[in-house]
Amino acid sequence: MRLLLRIHRYLGCFLAPAMLFFAVSGAWQAFRLHETKKDGSYRAPPVLARLSEVHKAERISGTAGTLFRVGELAVAVMFATTAIIGLVMAFRIARPIWLVWACLAGGTALPVLLAAAARAR
């Protein structure tokens, strides 16, 4: 268990900047704050537009694009690893265990319900 805690801690510290960046930039992209409106009613701040390009790796070509995509894959694998280790630790450490199941169910159901509601419109 101590090894899992240590791996989780250091992967979490390593990934925290990327998690924060993708969470914040995803939020402004959800509201399209990185896109200037064609009618001129909104002008996107250049910093938001530039930072949003990180999410569009398909525009990067050649060796730099390949390296960037490999880096993205590595970060995705680390995200998944950290999440799985966190779940293992939660099931081994947390009490009452039903609360872990409830949080897991809620965290799974909420995006599904939000996507279904958005699709229904």
Foldseek 3Di string as FASTA:
>chain_A
DVVLVVLLVVLCVVCVVVVVLCVVLVVCVVVPLLDQDPVRPHDRDPVSVVSNCLVVLVVDDDPVSVVSVVVVVVSVVSVVSSVVSVLVCCCVPDPPNVVSVVVVVCVVVVVVVVVVVVVVD
